[in-house]
N, C-alpha and C. Protein backbone atom coordinates (compact mmCIF):
# COMPACT_ATOMS: atom_id res chain seq x y z
N MET A 1 27.07 3.76 17.78
CA MET A 1 27.08 4.74 16.73
C MET A 1 27.19 6.13 17.36
N LYS A 2 28.19 6.86 16.99
CA LYS A 2 28.37 8.21 17.52
C LYS A 2 27.69 9.21 16.60
N LEU A 3 27.11 10.20 17.23
CA LEU A 3 26.46 11.28 16.49
C LEU A 3 27.39 12.48 16.40
N THR A 4 27.26 13.18 15.31
CA THR A 4 28.00 14.44 15.21
C THR A 4 27.29 15.47 16.07
N LYS A 5 27.94 16.57 16.32
CA LYS A 5 27.33 17.62 17.15
C LYS A 5 26.04 18.15 16.52
N SER A 6 26.06 18.30 15.19
CA SER A 6 24.86 18.83 14.53
C SER A 6 23.71 17.82 14.60
N GLN A 7 24.03 16.54 14.47
CA GLN A 7 22.98 15.52 14.58
C GLN A 7 22.42 15.48 15.99
N ALA A 8 23.27 15.56 16.98
CA ALA A 8 22.82 15.56 18.37
C ALA A 8 21.93 16.76 18.65
N LYS A 9 22.30 17.90 18.11
CA LYS A 9 21.50 19.12 18.33
C LYS A 9 20.12 18.98 17.69
N ARG A 10 20.08 18.42 16.46
CA ARG A 10 18.78 18.23 15.80
C ARG A 10 17.91 17.26 16.58
N LEU A 11 18.51 16.21 17.13
CA LEU A 11 17.74 15.25 17.91
C LEU A 11 17.18 15.87 19.18
N GLN A 12 17.93 16.79 19.77
CA GLN A 12 17.43 17.45 20.97
C GLN A 12 16.22 18.33 20.66
N ASN A 13 16.17 18.85 19.47
CA ASN A 13 15.08 19.75 19.10
C ASN A 13 13.82 19.00 18.65
N ARG A 14 13.93 17.71 18.46
CA ARG A 14 12.78 16.95 17.99
C ARG A 14 12.19 16.11 19.11
N ASP A 15 10.92 15.94 19.04
CA ASP A 15 10.27 15.02 19.94
C ASP A 15 10.28 13.66 19.25
N LEU A 16 11.14 12.77 19.70
CA LEU A 16 11.33 11.48 19.03
C LEU A 16 10.07 10.63 19.05
N VAL A 17 9.33 10.71 20.14
CA VAL A 17 8.09 9.92 20.23
C VAL A 17 7.10 10.37 19.17
N GLU A 18 6.96 11.69 19.03
CA GLU A 18 6.03 12.22 18.02
C GLU A 18 6.50 11.90 16.62
N ALA A 19 7.79 11.99 16.38
CA ALA A 19 8.33 11.65 15.06
C ALA A 19 8.09 10.17 14.75
N THR A 20 8.22 9.31 15.75
CA THR A 20 7.97 7.88 15.56
C THR A 20 6.51 7.64 15.24
N ARG A 21 5.64 8.31 15.94
CA ARG A 21 4.19 8.16 15.68
C ARG A 21 3.84 8.60 14.26
N LYS A 22 4.40 9.72 13.84
CA LYS A 22 4.13 10.20 12.48
C LYS A 22 4.64 9.22 11.43
N ALA A 23 5.83 8.68 11.66
CA ALA A 23 6.39 7.72 10.71
C ALA A 23 5.55 6.45 10.67
N ARG A 24 5.10 5.98 11.82
CA ARG A 24 4.26 4.78 11.88
C ARG A 24 2.93 5.01 11.16
N LYS A 25 2.33 6.17 11.38
CA LYS A 25 1.06 6.49 10.74
C LYS A 25 1.23 6.53 9.22
N LYS A 26 2.32 7.15 8.76
CA LYS A 26 2.57 7.23 7.33
C LYS A 26 2.79 5.85 6.72
N SER A 27 3.52 4.99 7.43
CA SER A 27 3.77 3.65 6.91
C SER A 27 2.47 2.85 6.84
N TYR A 28 1.59 2.99 7.85
CA TYR A 28 0.30 2.31 7.80
C TYR A 28 -0.55 2.80 6.63
N GLN A 29 -0.53 4.10 6.38
CA GLN A 29 -1.29 4.66 5.27
C GLN A 29 -0.77 4.14 3.94
N LEU A 30 0.55 4.08 3.78
CA LEU A 30 1.13 3.57 2.54
C LEU A 30 0.79 2.10 2.34
N LEU A 31 0.85 1.32 3.42
CA LEU A 31 0.52 -0.10 3.33
C LEU A 31 -0.95 -0.28 2.97
N ASN A 32 -1.80 0.54 3.55
CA ASN A 32 -3.23 0.49 3.25
C ASN A 32 -3.48 0.85 1.79
N ASP A 33 -2.84 1.92 1.31
CA ASP A 33 -2.99 2.32 -0.09
C ASP A 33 -2.51 1.22 -1.03
N GLN A 34 -1.42 0.58 -0.67
CA GLN A 34 -0.88 -0.49 -1.49
C GLN A 34 -1.87 -1.66 -1.55
N GLY A 35 -2.51 -1.95 -0.43
CA GLY A 35 -3.51 -3.02 -0.40
C GLY A 35 -4.69 -2.72 -1.31
N PHE A 36 -5.16 -1.47 -1.28
CA PHE A 36 -6.27 -1.08 -2.15
C PHE A 36 -5.87 -1.15 -3.62
N ALA A 37 -4.66 -0.75 -3.92
CA ALA A 37 -4.18 -0.80 -5.30
C ALA A 37 -4.10 -2.25 -5.79
N THR A 38 -3.61 -3.13 -4.94
CA THR A 38 -3.52 -4.55 -5.30
C THR A 38 -4.91 -5.14 -5.52
N LEU A 39 -5.84 -4.80 -4.66
CA LEU A 39 -7.22 -5.28 -4.82
C LEU A 39 -7.83 -4.76 -6.11
N ALA A 40 -7.61 -3.50 -6.43
CA ALA A 40 -8.14 -2.92 -7.66
C ALA A 40 -7.54 -3.61 -8.89
N LEU A 41 -6.26 -3.93 -8.85
CA LEU A 41 -5.63 -4.65 -9.96
C LEU A 41 -6.23 -6.04 -10.13
N ALA A 42 -6.45 -6.71 -9.02
CA ALA A 42 -7.03 -8.06 -9.09
C ALA A 42 -8.45 -8.01 -9.68
N ILE A 43 -9.24 -7.06 -9.24
CA ILE A 43 -10.61 -6.94 -9.75
C ILE A 43 -10.60 -6.58 -11.23
N SER A 44 -9.72 -5.68 -11.64
CA SER A 44 -9.67 -5.31 -13.05
C SER A 44 -9.22 -6.49 -13.91
N HIS A 45 -8.32 -7.32 -13.38
CA HIS A 45 -7.89 -8.51 -14.11
C HIS A 45 -9.05 -9.48 -14.28
N ILE A 46 -9.83 -9.68 -13.24
CA ILE A 46 -10.99 -10.58 -13.32
C ILE A 46 -11.99 -10.06 -14.34
N ILE A 47 -12.28 -8.77 -14.31
CA ILE A 47 -13.23 -8.18 -15.25
C ILE A 47 -12.73 -8.32 -16.68
N ALA A 48 -11.43 -8.11 -16.89
CA ALA A 48 -10.86 -8.26 -18.23
C ALA A 48 -10.98 -9.70 -18.72
N GLN A 49 -10.76 -10.66 -17.84
CA GLN A 49 -10.89 -12.07 -18.21
C GLN A 49 -12.33 -12.41 -18.56
N VAL A 50 -13.27 -11.87 -17.82
CA VAL A 50 -14.69 -12.11 -18.11
C VAL A 50 -15.06 -11.53 -19.46
N VAL A 51 -14.60 -10.32 -19.76
CA VAL A 51 -14.92 -9.69 -21.03
C VAL A 51 -14.27 -10.46 -22.18
N GLU A 52 -13.01 -10.85 -22.02
CA GLU A 52 -12.31 -11.56 -23.08
C GLU A 52 -12.88 -12.96 -23.32
N ASN A 53 -13.37 -13.60 -22.30
CA ASN A 53 -13.85 -14.98 -22.42
C ASN A 53 -15.35 -15.10 -22.21
N SER A 54 -16.08 -14.05 -22.53
CA SER A 54 -17.52 -14.05 -22.26
C SER A 54 -18.25 -15.14 -23.04
N GLU A 55 -17.84 -15.41 -24.27
CA GLU A 55 -18.51 -16.46 -25.05
C GLU A 55 -18.31 -17.82 -24.42
N GLN A 56 -17.09 -18.10 -23.99
CA GLN A 56 -16.80 -19.39 -23.36
C GLN A 56 -17.55 -19.53 -22.04
N ILE A 57 -17.61 -18.46 -21.28
CA ILE A 57 -18.34 -18.49 -20.00
C ILE A 57 -19.82 -18.73 -20.25
N GLU A 58 -20.35 -18.08 -21.27
CA GLU A 58 -21.76 -18.26 -21.62
C GLU A 58 -22.05 -19.71 -22.00
N LYS A 59 -21.16 -20.30 -22.80
CA LYS A 59 -21.32 -21.71 -23.19
C LYS A 59 -21.25 -22.63 -21.98
N ASP A 60 -20.31 -22.37 -21.10
CA ASP A 60 -20.15 -23.21 -19.91
C ASP A 60 -21.34 -23.13 -18.99
N LEU A 61 -21.99 -21.98 -18.91
CA LEU A 61 -23.13 -21.82 -18.03
C LEU A 61 -24.39 -22.44 -18.60
N LYS A 62 -24.43 -22.71 -19.88
CA LYS A 62 -25.61 -23.30 -20.53
C LYS A 62 -25.54 -24.81 -20.54
N LEU A 63 -24.73 -25.41 -19.69
CA LEU A 63 -24.61 -26.86 -19.65
C LEU A 63 -25.97 -27.45 -19.52
């Protein structure tokens, strides 16, 4: 892949290692945030099911 002169100049002005570290850190943060969001959705779904089916759960526990 050939770079244009302007692209080559921009690459010379950047520290590629630092840019890679920043991108990796950001991707880890996004993945972490996504994990927390998924966990929160799962917990809210469980709570909603408990509230909706509380009578049935109560009956089942009184065996």
